[in-house]
Amino acid sequence: MELSELRQVLPRDQPPYRAAQIYRAIYRDKVADLVQISTLPSRVRTELAAQTELGLPELDRRFDSVDGTRRYLLRLSDGRTVETVLMPEGDRDTVCISSQVGCPVDCKFCMTALMGLERSLTAGEIVGQVLFVARDNGLLSHKLAENKRFNIVMMGMGEPLLNLPAVLKATRILCDPEAVGMSERRITVSTSGIIPKIEELGKADIRPKLAISLNASTEEQRRELMPITRKWHLKDLIDACRAYPLRPWEKVTFEYVLLGGVNDTDADARRVAKLLANLNCKVNLIALNPGPGIPYVTPTPERVAAFRQEIVRRGIPCFIRKPRGLDIFAACGQLKRNNA
């Protein structure tokens, strides 16, 4: 709930300021139980706890990687599970959160796609992942904005723009100074290219940064790898990105998963650079993270480096994303609720 909603459901015998106390305790102080809200009288705490549940996800299982990455299998109130990943690296922590249980977008290189879609998450379940990870890792400053290391990417399970109302509501809570207190600059949402929803996202007053999962240099290639292109074409996607209302500090990020012998040639790189010419953007390259049921191979580091060089040579910032948590199936494209 946002603060306005919390005010509406507060018992009528309580003064209005109680809603703000509860709101700050849940989101800013990250209490795990309503009885822990020390700013409330003990009677009020007891009554609230008896009448309602906080609704935070519960830990089903945690997996720890040799590189420090943590993959969380979190259980929701209806018994379904979703995955969240914390990636500590250098001077920053990034938490990768999910927007749906499973995913309806049938990308052929992604293990999550093998699940199909079970349901979309609520705004509370999206924010709840952040609160859980913050509490589990001692990130309990009153505002996560005070922790300059902490970043959020909505790149876990699901297609966020097919759950846009909940994603935007979660973002408002995450960015509210009286709640979690994050900056919009440190939250990114990734989409496979739902063009009408990209336009809708751009109209939101409070919104994450935009990342596009590109993964191909031609319409035909993208249709094979990402069947969603049959509905939303590559040219129209690039046009939507060109029209997107970027803020002064913002670039569109294009993510490109490199599949050995499929979309990783120098010619592919030149076509990508041509597609993105004159866009205010950057490119993140991701060498395929393999997994059971995925019919592709990871390109060599030399091929990845050569691909990057072709793009950089044409004036587009391009970076190679280091895989994190490969040994625990926590890397990009690997989230499928594996129990090992």
C-alpha atoms as a PDB file:
ATOM      1  CA  MET A   1       0.000   0.000   0.000  1.00  0.00           C
ATOM      2  CA  GLU A   2       0.983   3.577  -0.615  1.00  0.00           C
ATOM      3  CA  LEU A   3       0.444   6.033   2.229  1.00  0.00           C
ATOM      4  CA  SER A   4      -2.870   7.298   0.832  1.00  0.00           C
ATOM      5  CA  GLU A   5      -4.241   3.736   0.760  1.00  0.00           C
ATOM      6  CA  LEU A   6      -2.973   2.998   4.257  1.00  0.00           C
ATOM      7  CA  ARG A   7      -4.813   6.030   5.576  1.00  0.00           C
ATOM      8  CA  GLN A   8      -8.056   4.722   4.112  1.00  0.00           C
ATOM      9  CA  VAL A   9      -7.866   1.310   5.812  1.00  0.00           C
ATOM     10  CA  LEU A  10      -6.652   2.522   9.199  1.00  0.00           C
ATOM     11  CA  PRO A  11      -9.240   1.800  11.926  1.00  0.00           C
ATOM     12  CA  ARG A  12     -11.407   4.872  12.526  1.00  0.00           C
ATOM     13  CA  ASP A  13     -10.545   5.011  16.207  1.00  0.00           C
ATOM     14  CA  GLN A  14      -6.894   5.734  15.328  1.00  0.00           C
ATOM     15  CA  PRO A  15      -5.511   9.236  14.709  1.00  0.00           C
ATOM     16  CA  PRO A  16      -4.469   9.890  11.068  1.00  0.00           C
ATOM     17  CA  TYR A  17      -0.757  10.152  11.900  1.00  0.00           C
ATOM     18  CA  ARG A  18      -0.739   6.443  12.768  1.00  0.00           C
ATOM     19  CA  ALA A  19      -0.795   5.630   9.039  1.00  0.00           C
ATOM     20  CA  ALA A  20       2.477   7.513   8.496  1.00  0.00           C
ATOM     21  CA  GLN A  21       4.054   5.716  11.466  1.00  0.00           C
ATOM     22  CA  ILE A  22       3.101   2.319  10.048  1.00  0.00           C
ATOM     23  CA  TYR A  23       4.182   3.316   6.527  1.00  0.00           C
ATOM     24  CA  ARG A  24       7.645   4.428   7.646  1.00  0.00           C
ATOM     25  CA  ALA A  25       8.108   1.381   9.862  1.00  0.00           C
ATOM     26  CA  ILE A  26       7.357  -1.051   7.033  1.00  0.00           C
ATOM     27  CA  TYR A  27       9.300   0.593   4.221  1.00  0.00           C
ATOM     28  CA  ARG A  28      11.938   2.767   5.865  1.00  0.00           C
ATOM     29  CA  ASP A  29      12.717   0.734   8.983  1.00  0.00           C
ATOM     30  CA  LYS A  30      11.942  -2.614   7.296  1.00  0.00           C
ATOM     31  CA  VAL A  31      10.216  -4.261  10.246  1.00  0.00           C
ATOM     32  CA  ALA A  32       9.538  -7.966   9.786  1.00  0.00           C
ATOM     33  CA  ASP A  33       6.353  -7.981  11.886  1.00  0.00           C
ATOM     34  CA  LEU A  34       3.728  -5.415  12.840  1.00  0.00           C
ATOM     35  CA  VAL A  35       4.387  -6.019  16.539  1.00  0.00           C
ATOM     36  CA  GLN A  36       7.897  -4.593  15.990  1.00  0.00           C
ATOM     37  CA  ILE A  37       6.590  -1.074  15.238  1.00  0.00           C
ATOM     38  CA  SER A  38       7.926   0.587  18.370  1.00  0.00           C
ATOM     39  CA  THR A  39       6.347   3.967  17.591  1.00  0.00           C
ATOM     40  CA  LEU A  40       2.878   2.485  18.146  1.00  0.00           C
ATOM     41  CA  PRO A  41       1.291   1.820  21.559  1.00  0.00           C
ATOM     42  CA  SER A  42       1.525  -1.863  22.452  1.00  0.00           C
ATOM     43  CA  ARG A  43      -2.278  -2.251  22.336  1.00  0.00           C
ATOM     44  CA  VAL A  44      -2.409  -0.899  18.791  1.00  0.00           C
ATOM     45  CA  ARG A  45       0.441  -3.180  17.712  1.00  0.00           C
ATOM     46  CA  THR A  46      -1.302  -6.221  19.132  1.00  0.00           C
ATOM     47  CA  GLU A  47      -4.608  -5.346  17.488  1.00  0.00           C
ATOM     48  CA  LEU A  48      -3.012  -4.688  14.096  1.00  0.00           C
ATOM     49  CA  ALA A  49      -1.064  -7.928  14.187  1.00  0.00           C
ATOM     50  CA  ALA A  50      -4.240  -9.852  15.057  1.00  0.00           C
ATOM     51  CA  GLN A  51      -6.243  -8.245  12.245  1.00  0.00           C
ATOM     52  CA  THR A  52      -3.770  -8.354   9.365  1.00  0.00           C
ATOM     53  CA  GLU A  53      -0.451  -9.738   8.141  1.00  0.00           C
ATOM     54  CA  LEU A  54       2.466  -7.713   6.848  1.00  0.00           C
ATOM     55  CA  GLY A  55       2.609  -9.865   3.713  1.00  0.00           C
ATOM     56  CA  LEU A  56       6.359 -10.020   3.215  1.00  0.00           C
ATOM     57  CA  PRO A  57       7.728 -12.972   1.225  1.00  0.00           C
ATOM     58  CA  GLU A  58       9.239 -15.806   3.220  1.00  0.00           C
ATOM     59  CA  LEU A  59      12.522 -17.558   2.569  1.00  0.00           C
ATOM     60  CA  ASP A  60      12.119 -20.972   0.969  1.00  0.00           C
ATOM     61  CA  ARG A  61      15.815 -21.488   0.251  1.00  0.00           C
ATOM     62  CA  ARG A  62      18.979 -19.442  -0.209  1.00  0.00           C
ATOM     63  CA  PHE A  63      21.878 -20.323  -2.483  1.00  0.00           C
ATOM     64  CA  ASP A  64      25.348 -18.790  -2.012  1.00  0.00           C
ATOM     65  CA  SER A  65      27.850 -18.544  -4.863  1.00  0.00           C
ATOM     66  CA  VAL A  66      31.613 -18.652  -4.610  1.00  0.00           C
ATOM     67  CA  ASP A  67      31.663 -15.103  -6.014  1.00  0.00           C
ATOM     68  CA  GLY A  68      29.432 -13.720  -3.238  1.00  0.00           C
ATOM     69  CA  THR A  69      26.184 -13.730  -5.225  1.00  0.00           C
ATOM     70  CA  ARG A  70      23.080 -14.860  -3.342  1.00  0.00           C
ATOM     71  CA  ARG A  71      20.024 -16.362  -5.030  1.00  0.00           C
ATOM     72  CA  TYR A  72      16.825 -16.343  -2.984  1.00  0.00           C
ATOM     73  CA  LEU A  73      13.859 -18.588  -3.600  1.00  0.00           C
ATOM     74  CA  LEU A  74      11.069 -16.634  -1.897  1.00  0.00           C
ATOM     75  CA  ARG A  75       7.643 -18.017  -1.061  1.00  0.00           C
ATOM     76  CA  LEU A  76       4.610 -15.796  -1.564  1.00  0.00           C
ATOM     77  CA  SER A  77       1.361 -15.828   0.394  1.00  0.00           C
ATOM     78  CA  ASP A  78      -0.343 -18.211  -2.072  1.00  0.00           C
ATOM     79  CA  GLY A  79       2.523 -20.716  -1.887  1.00  0.00           C
ATOM     80  CA  ARG A  80       4.064 -19.837  -5.245  1.00  0.00           C
ATOM     81  CA  THR A  81       7.775 -19.063  -5.347  1.00  0.00           C
ATOM     82  CA  VAL A  82       9.806 -16.407  -7.111  1.00  0.00           C
ATOM     83  CA  GLU A  83      13.519 -15.702  -7.380  1.00  0.00           C
ATOM     84  CA  THR A  84      15.549 -12.676  -6.316  1.00  0.00           C
ATOM     85  CA  VAL A  85      19.315 -12.252  -6.643  1.00  0.00           C
ATOM     86  CA  LEU A  86      21.792 -10.077  -4.734  1.00  0.00           C
ATOM     87  CA  MET A  87      25.024  -9.372  -6.621  1.00  0.00           C
ATOM     88  CA  PRO A  88      27.745  -7.660  -4.558  1.00  0.00           C
ATOM     89  CA  GLU A  89      30.598  -6.431  -6.719  1.00  0.00           C
ATOM     90  CA  GLY A  90      33.307  -3.920  -5.966  1.00  0.00           C
ATOM     91  CA  ASP A  91      31.769  -0.729  -4.624  1.00  0.00           C
ATOM     92  CA  ARG A  92      28.144  -1.610  -5.378  1.00  0.00           C
ATOM     93  CA  ASP A  93      25.378  -4.046  -4.505  1.00  0.00           C
ATOM     94  CA  THR A  94      22.714  -4.823  -7.090  1.00  0.00           C
ATOM     95  CA  VAL A  95      19.497  -6.655  -6.286  1.00  0.00           C
ATOM     96  CA  CYS A  96      17.745  -8.241  -9.258  1.00  0.00           C
ATOM     97  CA  ILE A  97      14.019  -8.575  -8.589  1.00  0.00           C
ATOM     98  CA  SER A  98      11.165 -10.343 -10.356  1.00  0.00           C
ATOM     99  CA  SER A  99       7.893  -8.859 -11.603  1.00  0.00           C
ATOM    100  CA  GLN A 100       6.054 -12.085 -12.439  1.00  0.00           C
ATOM    101  CA  VAL A 101       6.089 -15.751 -11.422  1.00  0.00           C
ATOM    102  CA  GLY A 102       7.526 -17.230 -14.608  1.00  0.00           C
ATOM    103  CA  CYS A 103       7.382 -15.314 -17.877  1.00  0.00           C
ATOM    104  CA  PRO A 104       5.042 -15.211 -20.901  1.00  0.00           C
ATOM    105  CA  VAL A 105       7.756 -14.025 -23.316  1.00  0.00           C
ATOM    106  CA  ASP A 106       9.200 -17.092 -25.013  1.00  0.00           C
ATOM    107  CA  CYS A 107      12.837 -16.005 -25.471  1.00  0.00           C
ATOM    108  CA  LYS A 108      14.664 -19.096 -26.713  1.00  0.00           C
ATOM    109  CA  PHE A 109      17.879 -18.458 -24.736  1.00  0.00           C
ATOM    110  CA  CYS A 110      16.249 -17.922 -21.320  1.00  0.00           C
ATOM    111  CA  MET A 111      15.508 -20.627 -18.747  1.00  0.00           C
ATOM    112  CA  THR A 112      12.676 -18.607 -17.169  1.00  0.00           C
ATOM    113  CA  ALA A 113      10.796 -18.834 -20.476  1.00  0.00           C
ATOM    114  CA  LEU A 114      10.609 -22.612 -20.030  1.00  0.00           C
ATOM    115  CA  MET A 115       8.282 -22.055 -17.052  1.00  0.00           C
ATOM    116  CA  GLY A 116       5.620 -20.076 -18.867  1.00  0.00           C
ATOM    117  CA  LEU A 117       3.616 -17.545 -16.855  1.00  0.00           C
ATOM    118  CA  GLU A 118       1.970 -18.460 -13.562  1.00  0.00           C
ATOM    119  CA  ARG A 119       0.841 -14.974 -12.502  1.00  0.00           C
ATOM    120  CA  SER A 120       1.957 -11.375 -12.099  1.00  0.00           C
ATOM    121  CA  LEU A 121       3.227 -10.050  -8.790  1.00  0.00           C
ATOM    122  CA  THR A 122       1.560  -7.328  -6.765  1.00  0.00           C
ATOM    123  CA  ALA A 123       3.388  -4.086  -6.026  1.00  0.00           C
ATOM    124  CA  GLY A 124       3.807  -5.335  -2.477  1.00  0.00           C
ATOM    125  CA  GLU A 125       5.429  -8.553  -3.655  1.00  0.00           C
ATOM    126  CA  ILE A 126       7.819  -6.571  -5.864  1.00  0.00           C
ATOM    127  CA  VAL A 127       8.831  -4.195  -3.064  1.00  0.00           C
ATOM    128  CA  GLY A 128       8.845  -7.091  -0.590  1.00  0.00           C
ATOM    129  CA  GLN A 129      11.771  -8.687  -2.411  1.00  0.00           C
ATOM    130  CA  VAL A 130      13.858  -5.555  -1.855  1.00  0.00           C
ATOM    131  CA  LEU A 131      12.887  -5.332   1.819  1.00  0.00           C
ATOM    132  CA  PHE A 132      13.697  -9.009   2.375  1.00  0.00           C
ATOM    133  CA  VAL A 133      17.148  -8.801   0.764  1.00  0.00           C
ATOM    134  CA  ALA A 134      17.969  -5.559   2.576  1.00  0.00           C
ATOM    135  CA  ARG A 135      17.075  -7.069   5.940  1.00  0.00           C
ATOM    136  CA  ASP A 136      18.887 -10.357   5.234  1.00  0.00           C
ATOM    137  CA  ASN A 137      22.089  -8.492   4.377  1.00  0.00           C
ATOM    138  CA  GLY A 138      22.047  -5.887   7.121  1.00  0.00           C
ATOM    139  CA  LEU A 139      21.167  -3.014   4.777  1.00  0.00           C
ATOM    140  CA  LEU A 140      18.915  -1.420   7.348  1.00  0.00           C
ATOM    141  CA  SER A 141      19.729   2.266   7.013  1.00  0.00           C
ATOM    142  CA  HIS A 142      16.571   4.370   7.268  1.00  0.00           C
ATOM    143  CA  LYS A 143      16.839   5.077   3.558  1.00  0.00           C
ATOM    144  CA  LEU A 144      18.536   2.803   1.090  1.00  0.00           C
ATOM    145  CA  ALA A 145      19.325   6.020  -0.776  1.00  0.00           C
ATOM    146  CA  GLU A 146      21.897   6.663   1.965  1.00  0.00           C
ATOM    147  CA  ASN A 147      23.652   3.461   0.883  1.00  0.00           C
ATOM    148  CA  LYS A 148      25.414   4.590  -2.289  1.00  0.00           C
ATOM    149  CA  ARG A 149      26.192   0.977  -3.175  1.00  0.00           C
ATOM    150  CA  PHE A 150      22.614  -0.198  -3.562  1.00  0.00           C
ATOM    151  CA  ASN A 151      20.927  -0.546  -6.961  1.00  0.00           C
ATOM    152  CA  ILE A 152      17.779  -2.311  -8.154  1.00  0.00           C
ATOM    153  CA  VAL A 153      17.233  -3.961 -11.528  1.00  0.00           C
ATOM    154  CA  MET A 154      13.855  -5.378 -12.524  1.00  0.00           C
ATOM    155  CA  MET A 155      15.457  -8.075 -14.642  1.00  0.00           C
ATOM    156  CA  GLY A 156      14.474 -11.240 -12.792  1.00  0.00           C
ATOM    157  CA  MET A 157      11.535 -13.456 -13.646  1.00  0.00           C
ATOM    158  CA  GLY A 158       8.881 -11.956 -15.891  1.00  0.00           C
ATOM    159  CA  GLU A 159       8.270  -9.178 -18.410  1.00  0.00           C
ATOM    160  CA  PRO A 160       7.887  -6.069 -16.225  1.00  0.00           C
ATOM    161  CA  LEU A 161       5.977  -4.010 -18.778  1.00  0.00           C
ATOM    162  CA  LEU A 162       3.254  -6.659 -18.928  1.00  0.00           C
ATOM    163  CA  ASN A 163       2.746  -5.876 -15.246  1.00  0.00           C
ATOM    164  CA  LEU A 164       3.278  -2.142 -15.571  1.00  0.00           C
ATOM    165  CA  PRO A 165       0.707  -0.789 -13.038  1.00  0.00           C
ATOM    166  CA  ALA A 166       2.268  -2.881 -10.256  1.00  0.00           C
ATOM    167  CA  VAL A 167       5.807  -2.025 -11.410  1.00  0.00           C
ATOM    168  CA  LEU A 168       5.063   1.709 -11.372  1.00  0.00           C
ATOM    169  CA  LYS A 169       3.343   1.514  -7.994  1.00  0.00           C
ATOM    170  CA  ALA A 170       6.314  -0.413  -6.585  1.00  0.00           C
ATOM    171  CA  THR A 171       8.648   2.224  -8.025  1.00  0.00           C
ATOM    172  CA  ARG A 172       6.702   5.029  -6.336  1.00  0.00           C
ATOM    173  CA  ILE A 173       7.059   3.252  -2.978  1.00  0.00           C
ATOM    174  CA  LEU A 174      10.733   2.511  -3.576  1.00  0.00           C
ATOM    175  CA  CYS A 175      11.398   6.158  -4.460  1.00  0.00           C
ATOM    176  CA  ASP A 176       9.215   7.794  -1.788  1.00  0.00           C
ATOM    177  CA  PRO A 177      11.513   9.651   0.673  1.00  0.00           C
ATOM    178  CA  GLU A 178       9.169   8.598   3.485  1.00  0.00           C
ATOM    179  CA  ALA A 179       9.374   4.942   2.402  1.00  0.00           C
ATOM    180  CA  VAL A 180      12.363   3.085   0.944  1.00  0.00           C
ATOM    181  CA  GLY A 181      13.936   6.319  -0.300  1.00  0.00           C
ATOM    182  CA  MET A 182      15.685   5.134  -3.474  1.00  0.00           C
ATOM    183  CA  SER A 183      16.601   7.407  -6.374  1.00  0.00           C
ATOM    184  CA  GLU A 184      15.080   6.776  -9.811  1.00  0.00           C
ATOM    185  CA  ARG A 185      18.655   6.873 -11.126  1.00  0.00           C
ATOM    186  CA  ARG A 186      19.409   3.618  -9.285  1.00  0.00           C
ATOM    187  CA  ILE A 187      16.422   1.572 -10.483  1.00  0.00           C
ATOM    188  CA  THR A 188      16.303   0.001 -13.959  1.00  0.00           C
ATOM    189  CA  VAL A 189      13.495  -1.908 -15.670  1.00  0.00           C
ATOM    190  CA  SER A 190      14.239  -4.257 -18.578  1.00  0.00           C
ATOM    191  CA  THR A 191      11.745  -5.107 -21.308  1.00  0.00           C
ATOM    192  CA  SER A 192      11.740  -7.374 -24.327  1.00  0.00           C
ATOM    193  CA  GLY A 193      10.066  -4.553 -26.251  1.00  0.00           C
ATOM    194  CA  ILE A 194       6.360  -4.078 -25.463  1.00  0.00           C
ATOM    195  CA  ILE A 195       6.045  -0.908 -27.529  1.00  0.00           C
ATOM    196  CA  PRO A 196       2.718   0.520 -26.199  1.00  0.00           C
ATOM    197  CA  LYS A 197       3.918  -0.007 -22.635  1.00  0.00           C
ATOM    198  CA  ILE A 198       7.251   1.706 -23.354  1.00  0.00           C
ATOM    199  CA  GLU A 199       5.253   4.772 -24.361  1.00  0.00           C
ATOM    200  CA  GLU A 200       3.129   4.470 -21.203  1.00  0.00           C
ATOM    201  CA  LEU A 201       6.239   4.112 -19.024  1.00  0.00           C
ATOM    202  CA  GLY A 202       7.656   7.301 -20.507  1.00  0.00           C
ATOM    203  CA  LYS A 203       4.594   9.253 -19.335  1.00  0.00           C
ATOM    204  CA  ALA A 204       4.968   8.225 -15.681  1.00  0.00           C
ATOM    205  CA  ASP A 205       6.072  10.961 -13.274  1.00  0.00           C
ATOM    206  CA  ILE A 206       8.181   8.511 -11.270  1.00  0.00           C
ATOM    207  CA  ARG A 207       9.768   5.719 -13.281  1.00  0.00           C
ATOM    208  CA  PRO A 208      12.860   3.526 -13.465  1.00  0.00           C
ATOM    209  CA  LYS A 209      15.514   3.849 -16.147  1.00  0.00           C
ATOM    210  CA  LEU A 210      14.729   1.918 -19.336  1.00  0.00           C
ATOM    211  CA  ALA A 211      16.654  -1.080 -20.652  1.00  0.00           C
ATOM    212  CA  ILE A 212      15.769  -2.928 -23.862  1.00  0.00           C
ATOM    213  CA  SER A 213      16.565  -6.620 -24.378  1.00  0.00           C
ATOM    214  CA  LEU A 214      17.709  -6.474 -28.016  1.00  0.00           C
ATOM    215  CA  ASN A 215      19.666  -9.688 -28.725  1.00  0.00           C
ATOM    216  CA  ALA A 216      19.530  -9.552 -32.525  1.00  0.00           C
ATOM    217  CA  SER A 217      20.674  -7.368 -35.394  1.00  0.00           C
ATOM    218  CA  THR A 218      17.872  -8.135 -37.885  1.00  0.00           C
ATOM    219  CA  GLU A 219      14.110  -8.581 -37.808  1.00  0.00           C
ATOM    220  CA  GLU A 220      14.380 -12.216 -38.921  1.00  0.00           C
ATOM    221  CA  GLN A 221      17.009 -13.067 -36.346  1.00  0.00           C
ATOM    222  CA  ARG A 222      15.072 -11.437 -33.516  1.00  0.00           C
ATOM    223  CA  ARG A 223      11.859 -13.203 -34.534  1.00  0.00           C
ATOM    224  CA  GLU A 224      13.651 -16.551 -34.221  1.00  0.00           C
ATOM    225  CA  LEU A 225      15.183 -15.747 -30.834  1.00  0.00           C
ATOM    226  CA  MET A 226      12.341 -13.648 -29.421  1.00  0.00           C
ATOM    227  CA  PRO A 227       8.938 -14.537 -30.913  1.00  0.00           C
ATOM    228  CA  ILE A 228       7.489 -11.347 -29.413  1.00  0.00           C
ATOM    229  CA  THR A 229       8.913  -9.603 -32.503  1.00  0.00           C
ATOM    230  CA  ARG A 230       6.061 -11.110 -34.510  1.00  0.00           C
ATOM    231  CA  LYS A 231       3.803  -8.597 -32.769  1.00  0.00           C
ATOM    232  CA  TRP A 232       6.183  -5.703 -32.086  1.00  0.00           C
ATOM    233  CA  HIS A 233       8.709  -5.263 -34.877  1.00  0.00           C
ATOM    234  CA  LEU A 234      12.329  -4.266 -34.472  1.00  0.00           C
ATOM    235  CA  LYS A 235      12.083  -1.058 -36.509  1.00  0.00           C
ATOM    236  CA  ASP A 236       9.081   0.099 -34.479  1.00  0.00           C
ATOM    237  CA  LEU A 237      10.930  -0.734 -31.254  1.00  0.00           C
ATOM    238  CA  ILE A 238      13.896   1.431 -32.256  1.00  0.00           C
ATOM    239  CA  ASP A 239      11.499   4.241 -33.240  1.00  0.00           C
ATOM    240  CA  ALA A 240       9.824   3.975 -29.813  1.00  0.00           C
ATOM    241  CA  CYS A 241      13.225   4.265 -28.128  1.00  0.00           C
ATOM    242  CA  ARG A 242      14.083   7.268 -30.286  1.00  0.00           C
ATOM    243  CA  ALA A 243      10.846   8.964 -29.166  1.00  0.00           C
ATOM    244  CA  TYR A 244      11.240   7.988 -25.501  1.00  0.00           C
ATOM    245  CA  PRO A 245      11.423  11.052 -23.194  1.00  0.00           C
ATOM    246  CA  LEU A 246      14.827  10.627 -21.598  1.00  0.00           C
ATOM    247  CA  ARG A 247      15.667  12.684 -18.545  1.00  0.00           C
ATOM    248  CA  PRO A 248      18.821  14.873 -18.743  1.00  0.00           C
ATOM    249  CA  TRP A 249      20.952  12.287 -16.925  1.00  0.00           C
ATOM    250  CA  GLU A 250      19.542   9.214 -18.682  1.00  0.00           C
ATOM    251  CA  LYS A 251      20.504   6.878 -21.534  1.00  0.00           C
ATOM    252  CA  VAL A 252      18.567   3.916 -22.905  1.00  0.00           C
ATOM    253  CA  THR A 253      20.448   0.695 -22.204  1.00  0.00           C
ATOM    254  CA  PHE A 254      20.372  -2.024 -24.849  1.00  0.00           C
ATOM    255  CA  GLU A 255      21.132  -5.529 -23.575  1.00  0.00           C
ATOM    256  CA  TYR A 256      22.488  -8.023 -26.052  1.00  0.00           C
ATOM    257  CA  VAL A 257      22.894 -11.722 -25.194  1.00  0.00           C
ATOM    258  CA  LEU A 258      25.632 -13.192 -27.385  1.00  0.00           C
ATOM    259  CA  LEU A 259      24.946 -16.712 -28.671  1.00  0.00           C
ATOM    260  CA  GLY A 260      27.935 -18.505 -30.160  1.00  0.00           C
ATOM    261  CA  GLY A 261      27.669 -18.753 -33.955  1.00  0.00           C
ATOM    262  CA  VAL A 262      24.168 -17.240 -34.005  1.00  0.00           C
ATOM    263  CA  ASN A 263      24.200 -13.475 -33.363  1.00  0.00           C
ATOM    264  CA  ASP A 264      27.827 -12.751 -32.460  1.00  0.00           C
ATOM    265  CA  THR A 265      29.579 -12.002 -35.755  1.00  0.00           C
ATOM    266  CA  ASP A 266      31.308  -8.756 -36.660  1.00  0.00           C
ATOM    267  CA  ALA A 267      28.539  -8.218 -39.220  1.00  0.00           C
ATOM    268  CA  ASP A 268      25.959  -8.497 -36.418  1.00  0.00           C
ATOM    269  CA  ALA A 269      27.874  -5.916 -34.404  1.00  0.00           C
ATOM    270  CA  ARG A 270      27.967  -3.505 -37.353  1.00  0.00           C
ATOM    271  CA  ARG A 271      24.220  -3.911 -37.875  1.00  0.00           C
ATOM    272  CA  VAL A 272      23.576  -3.279 -34.161  1.00  0.00           C
ATOM    273  CA  ALA A 273      25.644  -0.103 -34.316  1.00  0.00           C
ATOM    274  CA  LYS A 274      23.707   1.029 -37.380  1.00  0.00           C
ATOM    275  CA  LEU A 275      20.381   0.336 -35.640  1.00  0.00           C
ATOM    276  CA  LEU A 276      21.397   2.411 -32.628  1.00  0.00           C
ATOM    277  CA  ALA A 277      23.072   5.250 -34.498  1.00  0.00           C
ATOM    278  CA  ASN A 278      22.127   8.707 -33.165  1.00  0.00           C
ATOM    279  CA  LEU A 279      20.350   7.241 -30.126  1.00  0.00           C
ATOM    280  CA  ASN A 280      21.366   8.419 -26.659  1.00  0.00           C
ATOM    281  CA  CYS A 281      22.221   4.921 -25.489  1.00  0.00           C
ATOM    282  CA  LYS A 282      24.748   2.380 -24.320  1.00  0.00           C
ATOM    283  CA  VAL A 283      25.065  -1.365 -24.939  1.00  0.00           C
ATOM    284  CA  ASN A 284      25.620  -4.110 -22.364  1.00  0.00           C
ATOM    285  CA  LEU A 285      26.923  -7.383 -23.799  1.00  0.00           C
ATOM    286  CA  ILE A 286      26.076 -10.635 -22.006  1.00  0.00           C
ATOM    287  CA  ALA A 287      27.740 -13.846 -23.113  1.00  0.00           C
ATOM    288  CA  LEU A 288      25.114 -16.593 -22.895  1.00  0.00           C
ATOM    289  CA  ASN A 289      24.762 -18.111 -19.449  1.00  0.00           C
ATOM    290  CA  PRO A 290      24.077 -21.772 -20.271  1.00  0.00           C
ATOM    291  CA  GLY A 291      21.492 -24.008 -18.677  1.00  0.00           C
ATOM    292  CA  PRO A 292      19.444 -27.191 -19.192  1.00  0.00           C
ATOM    293  CA  GLY A 293      17.025 -26.911 -22.100  1.00  0.00           C
ATOM    294  CA  ILE A 294      18.836 -24.010 -23.790  1.00  0.00           C
ATOM    295  CA  PRO A 295      19.979 -25.000 -27.329  1.00  0.00           C
ATOM    296  CA  TYR A 296      22.813 -22.453 -27.661  1.00  0.00           C
ATOM    297  CA  VAL A 297      26.482 -22.178 -26.688  1.00  0.00           C
ATOM    298  CA  THR A 298      28.507 -19.420 -25.060  1.00  0.00           C
ATOM    299  CA  PRO A 299      30.850 -17.535 -27.412  1.00  0.00           C
ATOM    300  CA  THR A 300      34.550 -17.314 -26.602  1.00  0.00           C
ATOM    301  CA  PRO A 301      35.870 -14.298 -24.687  1.00  0.00           C
ATOM    302  CA  GLU A 302      37.784 -13.310 -27.821  1.00  0.00           C
ATOM    303  CA  ARG A 303      34.595 -13.245 -29.888  1.00  0.00           C
ATOM    304  CA  VAL A 304      32.821 -11.167 -27.218  1.00  0.00           C
ATOM    305  CA  ALA A 305      35.706  -8.693 -27.143  1.00  0.00           C
ATOM    306  CA  ALA A 306      35.756  -8.426 -30.948  1.00  0.00           C
ATOM    307  CA  PHE A 307      31.989  -7.793 -31.023  1.00  0.00           C
ATOM    308  CA  ARG A 308      32.377  -5.029 -28.465  1.00  0.00           C
ATOM    309  CA  GLN A 309      35.199  -3.430 -30.408  1.00  0.00           C
ATOM    310  CA  GLU A 310      33.088  -3.220 -33.567  1.00  0.00           C
ATOM    311  CA  ILE A 311      30.411  -1.290 -31.659  1.00  0.00           C
ATOM    312  CA  VAL A 312      32.825   0.983 -29.798  1.00  0.00           C
ATOM    313  CA  ARG A 313      34.598   1.792 -33.053  1.00  0.00           C
ATOM    314  CA  ARG A 314      31.315   3.301 -34.250  1.00  0.00           C
ATOM    315  CA  GLY A 315      31.009   5.626 -31.303  1.00  0.00           C
ATOM    316  CA  ILE A 316      28.534   3.747 -29.088  1.00  0.00           C
ATOM    317  CA  PRO A 317      29.465   3.069 -25.436  1.00  0.00           C
ATOM    318  CA  CYS A 318      29.578  -0.693 -24.993  1.00  0.00           C
ATOM    319  CA  PHE A 319      30.336  -2.795 -21.926  1.00  0.00           C
ATOM    320  CA  ILE A 320      30.779  -6.499 -21.217  1.00  0.00           C
ATOM    321  CA  ARG A 321      28.745  -7.652 -18.245  1.00  0.00           C
ATOM    322  CA  LYS A 322      30.581 -10.142 -16.085  1.00  0.00           C
ATOM    323  CA  PRO A 323      28.402 -13.155 -15.216  1.00  0.00           C
ATOM    324  CA  ARG A 324      27.558 -13.506 -11.544  1.00  0.00           C
ATOM    325  CA  GLY A 325      26.424 -16.620  -9.672  1.00  0.00           C
ATOM    326  CA  LEU A 326      26.866 -19.104 -12.527  1.00  0.00           C
ATOM    327  CA  ASP A 327      27.505 -21.928 -10.071  1.00  0.00           C
ATOM    328  CA  ILE A 328      24.091 -21.433  -8.416  1.00  0.00           C
ATOM    329  CA  PHE A 329      22.001 -20.649 -11.545  1.00  0.00           C
ATOM    330  CA  ALA A 330      21.721 -17.001 -10.529  1.00  0.00           C
ATOM    331  CA  ALA A 331      23.093 -15.376 -13.685  1.00  0.00           C
ATOM    332  CA  CYS A 332      21.047 -13.502 -16.284  1.00  0.00           C
ATOM    333  CA  GLY A 333      18.631 -15.880 -18.047  1.00  0.00           C
ATOM    334  CA  GLN A 334      19.114 -18.716 -15.545  1.00  0.00           C
ATOM    335  CA  LEU A 335      16.266 -18.102 -13.085  1.00  0.00           C
ATOM    336  CA  LYS A 336      14.022 -21.169 -13.145  1.00  0.00           C
ATOM    337  CA  ARG A 337      13.647 -22.111  -9.466  1.00  0.00           C
ATOM    338  CA  ASN A 338      16.391 -24.713  -9.570  1.00  0.00           C
ATOM    339  CA  ASN A 339      16.891 -26.389  -6.231  1.00  0.00           C
ATOM    340  CA  ALA A 340      20.628 -26.952  -6.627  1.00  0.00           C
END
